C-alpha atoms as a PDB file:
ATOM      1  CA  MET A   1      75.649  31.400  46.721  1.00  0.00           C
ATOM      2  CA  PRO A   2      78.454  28.845  46.736  1.00  0.00           C
ATOM      3  CA  ASN A   3      79.169  26.061  44.261  1.00  0.00           C
ATOM      4  CA  PHE A   4      79.833  22.456  45.272  1.00  0.00           C
ATOM      5  CA  ASN A   5      81.316  19.244  43.943  1.00  0.00           C
ATOM      6  CA  VAL A   6      79.130  16.315  45.089  1.00  0.00           C
ATOM      7  CA  LEU A   7      80.130  12.641  45.139  1.00  0.00           C
ATOM      8  CA  LEU A   8      77.353  10.038  45.366  1.00  0.00           C
ATOM      9  CA  GLU A   9      77.611   6.286  45.814  1.00  0.00           C
ATOM     10  CA  GLY A  10      75.118   3.957  44.149  1.00  0.00           C
ATOM     11  CA  ALA A  11      74.448   0.214  44.234  1.00  0.00           C
ATOM     12  CA  TRP A  12      73.931  -1.284  40.749  1.00  0.00           C
ATOM     13  CA  LEU A  13      72.608  -4.828  40.286  1.00  0.00           C
ATOM     14  CA  VAL A  14      73.838  -6.735  37.215  1.00  0.00           C
ATOM     15  CA  ARG A  15      72.438 -10.137  36.247  1.00  0.00           C
ATOM     16  CA  ASP A  16      73.820 -12.925  34.030  1.00  0.00           C
ATOM     17  CA  VAL A  17      77.531 -12.078  34.211  1.00  0.00           C
ATOM     18  CA  LYS A  18      80.430 -14.474  34.541  1.00  0.00           C
ATOM     19  CA  THR A  19      83.219 -12.239  35.832  1.00  0.00           C
ATOM     20  CA  GLU A  20      83.633  -9.203  38.037  1.00  0.00           C
ATOM     21  CA  ASP A  21      85.139  -7.241  35.131  1.00  0.00           C
ATOM     22  CA  ASP A  22      82.071  -7.973  32.991  1.00  0.00           C
ATOM     23  CA  ALA A  23      79.792  -6.807  35.821  1.00  0.00           C
ATOM     24  CA  ILE A  24      81.727  -3.547  36.205  1.00  0.00           C
ATOM     25  CA  GLY A  25      81.606  -2.871  32.466  1.00  0.00           C
ATOM     26  CA  VAL A  26      77.879  -3.564  32.241  1.00  0.00           C
ATOM     27  CA  ALA A  27      77.074  -1.424  35.300  1.00  0.00           C
ATOM     28  CA  ILE A  28      79.052   1.598  34.069  1.00  0.00           C
ATOM     29  CA  SER A  29      77.610   1.242  30.559  1.00  0.00           C
ATOM     30  CA  GLU A  30      73.997   0.977  31.765  1.00  0.00           C
ATOM     31  CA  ALA A  31      74.391   3.926  34.148  1.00  0.00           C
ATOM     32  CA  GLY A  32      75.978   6.014  31.388  1.00  0.00           C
ATOM     33  CA  LYS A  33      73.136   5.217  28.984  1.00  0.00           C
ATOM     34  CA  ARG A  34      70.486   6.272  31.506  1.00  0.00           C
ATOM     35  CA  LEU A  35      72.312   9.509  32.277  1.00  0.00           C
ATOM     36  CA  ASN A  36      72.866  10.297  28.586  1.00  0.00           C
ATOM     37  CA  GLN A  37      69.155   9.778  27.841  1.00  0.00           C
ATOM     38  CA  ARG A  38      68.492  12.721  30.184  1.00  0.00           C
ATOM     39  CA  LYS A  39      71.363  14.743  28.671  1.00  0.00           C
ATOM     40  CA  MET A  40      73.377  14.434  31.891  1.00  0.00           C
ATOM     41  CA  ASP A  41      76.728  13.699  30.254  1.00  0.00           C
ATOM     42  CA  PHE A  42      78.352  16.108  32.746  1.00  0.00           C
ATOM     43  CA  VAL A  43      78.027  13.460  35.493  1.00  0.00           C
ATOM     44  CA  GLU A  44      81.212  11.424  35.963  1.00  0.00           C
ATOM     45  CA  VAL A  45      80.666   7.673  36.558  1.00  0.00           C
ATOM     46  CA  GLU A  46      83.293   5.281  37.874  1.00  0.00           C
ATOM     47  CA  MET A  47      83.572   2.126  39.929  1.00  0.00           C
ATOM     48  CA  GLY A  48      83.604   2.471  43.685  1.00  0.00           C
ATOM     49  CA  GLN A  49      85.477   0.461  46.274  1.00  0.00           C
ATOM     50  CA  TRP A  50      85.282  -0.358  49.942  1.00  0.00           C
ATOM     51  CA  ASP A  51      87.861  -1.079  52.611  1.00  0.00           C
ATOM     52  CA  CYS A  52      88.428  -4.484  54.167  1.00  0.00           C
ATOM     53  CA  PRO A  53      87.178  -4.352  57.781  1.00  0.00           C
ATOM     54  CA  GLU A  54      90.123  -6.514  58.925  1.00  0.00           C
ATOM     55  CA  CYS A  55      93.153  -5.026  57.162  1.00  0.00           C
ATOM     56  CA  SER A  56      91.794  -1.724  55.743  1.00  0.00           C
ATOM     57  CA  GLU A  57      93.073  -2.628  52.258  1.00  0.00           C
ATOM     58  CA  PRO A  58      90.919  -1.316  49.390  1.00  0.00           C
ATOM     59  CA  LEU A  59      88.724  -3.947  47.749  1.00  0.00           C
ATOM     60  CA  PRO A  60      87.051  -3.697  44.344  1.00  0.00           C
ATOM     61  CA  GLY A  61      83.475  -2.451  44.552  1.00  0.00           C
ATOM     62  CA  VAL A  62      81.890  -5.582  43.111  1.00  0.00           C
ATOM     63  CA  PHE A  63      80.404  -8.671  44.727  1.00  0.00           C
ATOM     64  CA  LEU A  64      79.564 -11.597  42.415  1.00  0.00           C
ATOM     65  CA  VAL A  65      77.400 -14.570  43.430  1.00  0.00           C
ATOM     66  CA  ALA A  66      75.454 -16.979  41.181  1.00  0.00           C
ATOM     67  CA  SER A  67      75.984 -14.881  38.017  1.00  0.00           C
ATOM     68  CA  THR A  68      74.529 -11.808  39.759  1.00  0.00           C
ATOM     69  CA  ALA A  69      76.699  -8.882  40.834  1.00  0.00           C
ATOM     70  CA  LEU A  70      76.279  -5.882  43.066  1.00  0.00           C
ATOM     71  CA  VAL A  71      78.541  -3.110  41.791  1.00  0.00           C
ATOM     72  CA  ALA A  72      79.395   0.041  43.735  1.00  0.00           C
ATOM     73  CA  LEU A  73      79.367   3.055  41.405  1.00  0.00           C
ATOM     74  CA  LEU A  74      80.448   6.614  42.117  1.00  0.00           C
ATOM     75  CA  PHE A  75      78.648   9.575  40.535  1.00  0.00           C
ATOM     76  CA  GLU A  76      80.274  12.999  40.636  1.00  0.00           C
ATOM     77  CA  MET A  77      78.737  16.297  39.575  1.00  0.00           C
ATOM     78  CA  LYS A  78      79.064  20.016  40.186  1.00  0.00           C
ATOM     79  CA  ILE A  79      76.150  21.899  41.744  1.00  0.00           C
ATOM     80  CA  PHE A  80      76.037  25.659  41.269  1.00  0.00           C
ATOM     81  CA  ASN A  81      74.388  28.227  43.570  1.00  0.00           C
ATOM     82  CA  ALA A  82      73.317  25.853  46.346  1.00  0.00           C
ATOM     83  CA  GLU A  83      72.352  27.225  49.753  1.00  0.00           C
ATOM     84  CA  SER A  84      74.514  24.748  51.712  1.00  0.00           C
ATOM     85  CA  GLU A  85      76.421  21.458  51.462  1.00  0.00           C
ATOM     86  CA  GLU A  86      73.257  19.584  52.454  1.00  0.00           C
ATOM     87  CA  HIS A  87      71.232  21.411  49.803  1.00  0.00           C
ATOM     88  CA  ALA A  88      73.841  20.583  47.127  1.00  0.00           C
ATOM     89  CA  GLY A  89      73.706  16.899  48.133  1.00  0.00           C
ATOM     90  CA  ARG A  90      69.910  16.853  47.878  1.00  0.00           C
ATOM     91  CA  ILE A  91      70.024  18.501  44.432  1.00  0.00           C
ATOM     92  CA  ALA A  92      72.597  15.991  43.131  1.00  0.00           C
ATOM     93  CA  LYS A  93      70.754  13.019  44.622  1.00  0.00           C
ATOM     94  CA  SER A  94      67.469  14.173  43.122  1.00  0.00           C
ATOM     95  CA  SER A  95      68.898  14.916  39.662  1.00  0.00           C
ATOM     96  CA  ILE A  96      70.865  11.699  39.342  1.00  0.00           C
ATOM     97  CA  GLY A  97      68.132   9.656  41.040  1.00  0.00           C
ATOM     98  CA  LYS A  98      65.538  10.749  38.458  1.00  0.00           C
ATOM     99  CA  ALA A  99      67.816   9.595  35.636  1.00  0.00           C
ATOM    100  CA  LEU A 100      68.737   6.252  37.221  1.00  0.00           C
ATOM    101  CA  GLY A 101      65.365   5.194  38.585  1.00  0.00           C
ATOM    102  CA  ALA A 102      65.272   2.778  41.523  1.00  0.00           C
ATOM    103  CA  ILE A 103      69.028   2.770  42.162  1.00  0.00           C
ATOM    104  CA  PRO A 104      69.838   3.495  45.835  1.00  0.00           C
ATOM    105  CA  LEU A 105      72.089   6.556  46.232  1.00  0.00           C
ATOM    106  CA  ASN A 106      74.014   7.953  49.177  1.00  0.00           C
ATOM    107  CA  VAL A 107      75.940  11.243  49.430  1.00  0.00           C
ATOM    108  CA  LEU A 108      79.599  10.488  50.223  1.00  0.00           C
ATOM    109  CA  GLU A 109      81.253  13.907  49.937  1.00  0.00           C
ATOM    110  CA  THR A 110      80.278  17.492  49.323  1.00  0.00           C
ATOM    111  CA  ASP A 111      83.114  19.980  48.779  1.00  0.00           C
ATOM    112  CA  GLN A 112      82.758  23.696  48.182  1.00  0.00           C
ATOM    113  CA  ILE A 113      84.488  24.926  45.020  1.00  0.00           C
ATOM    114  CA  ASN A 114      85.190  28.369  43.602  1.00  0.00           C
END
């Protein structure tokens, strides 16, 4: 059975922040704490980004309004002995989803590895 590297995107809500940098730091810290509580320190967490629909330039993955921010986070983990790419994505989404709670997750990429 093949092994896969799975990349998930999540939307993290952060309240009572003044700057985008503060929101990013809080979101990554909170996500890391939740993952570490479940002994999932093998999951990589970093800030996501999106592309401008007009010019296709990359934009930071944070949107701040009224001291509340929505931060795009990326979660990456390796899945071993999955039946298919879809199966690996479901395993990653389930594992990370249980640790994070009500955070919406979406599978972005699933690559087979050796």
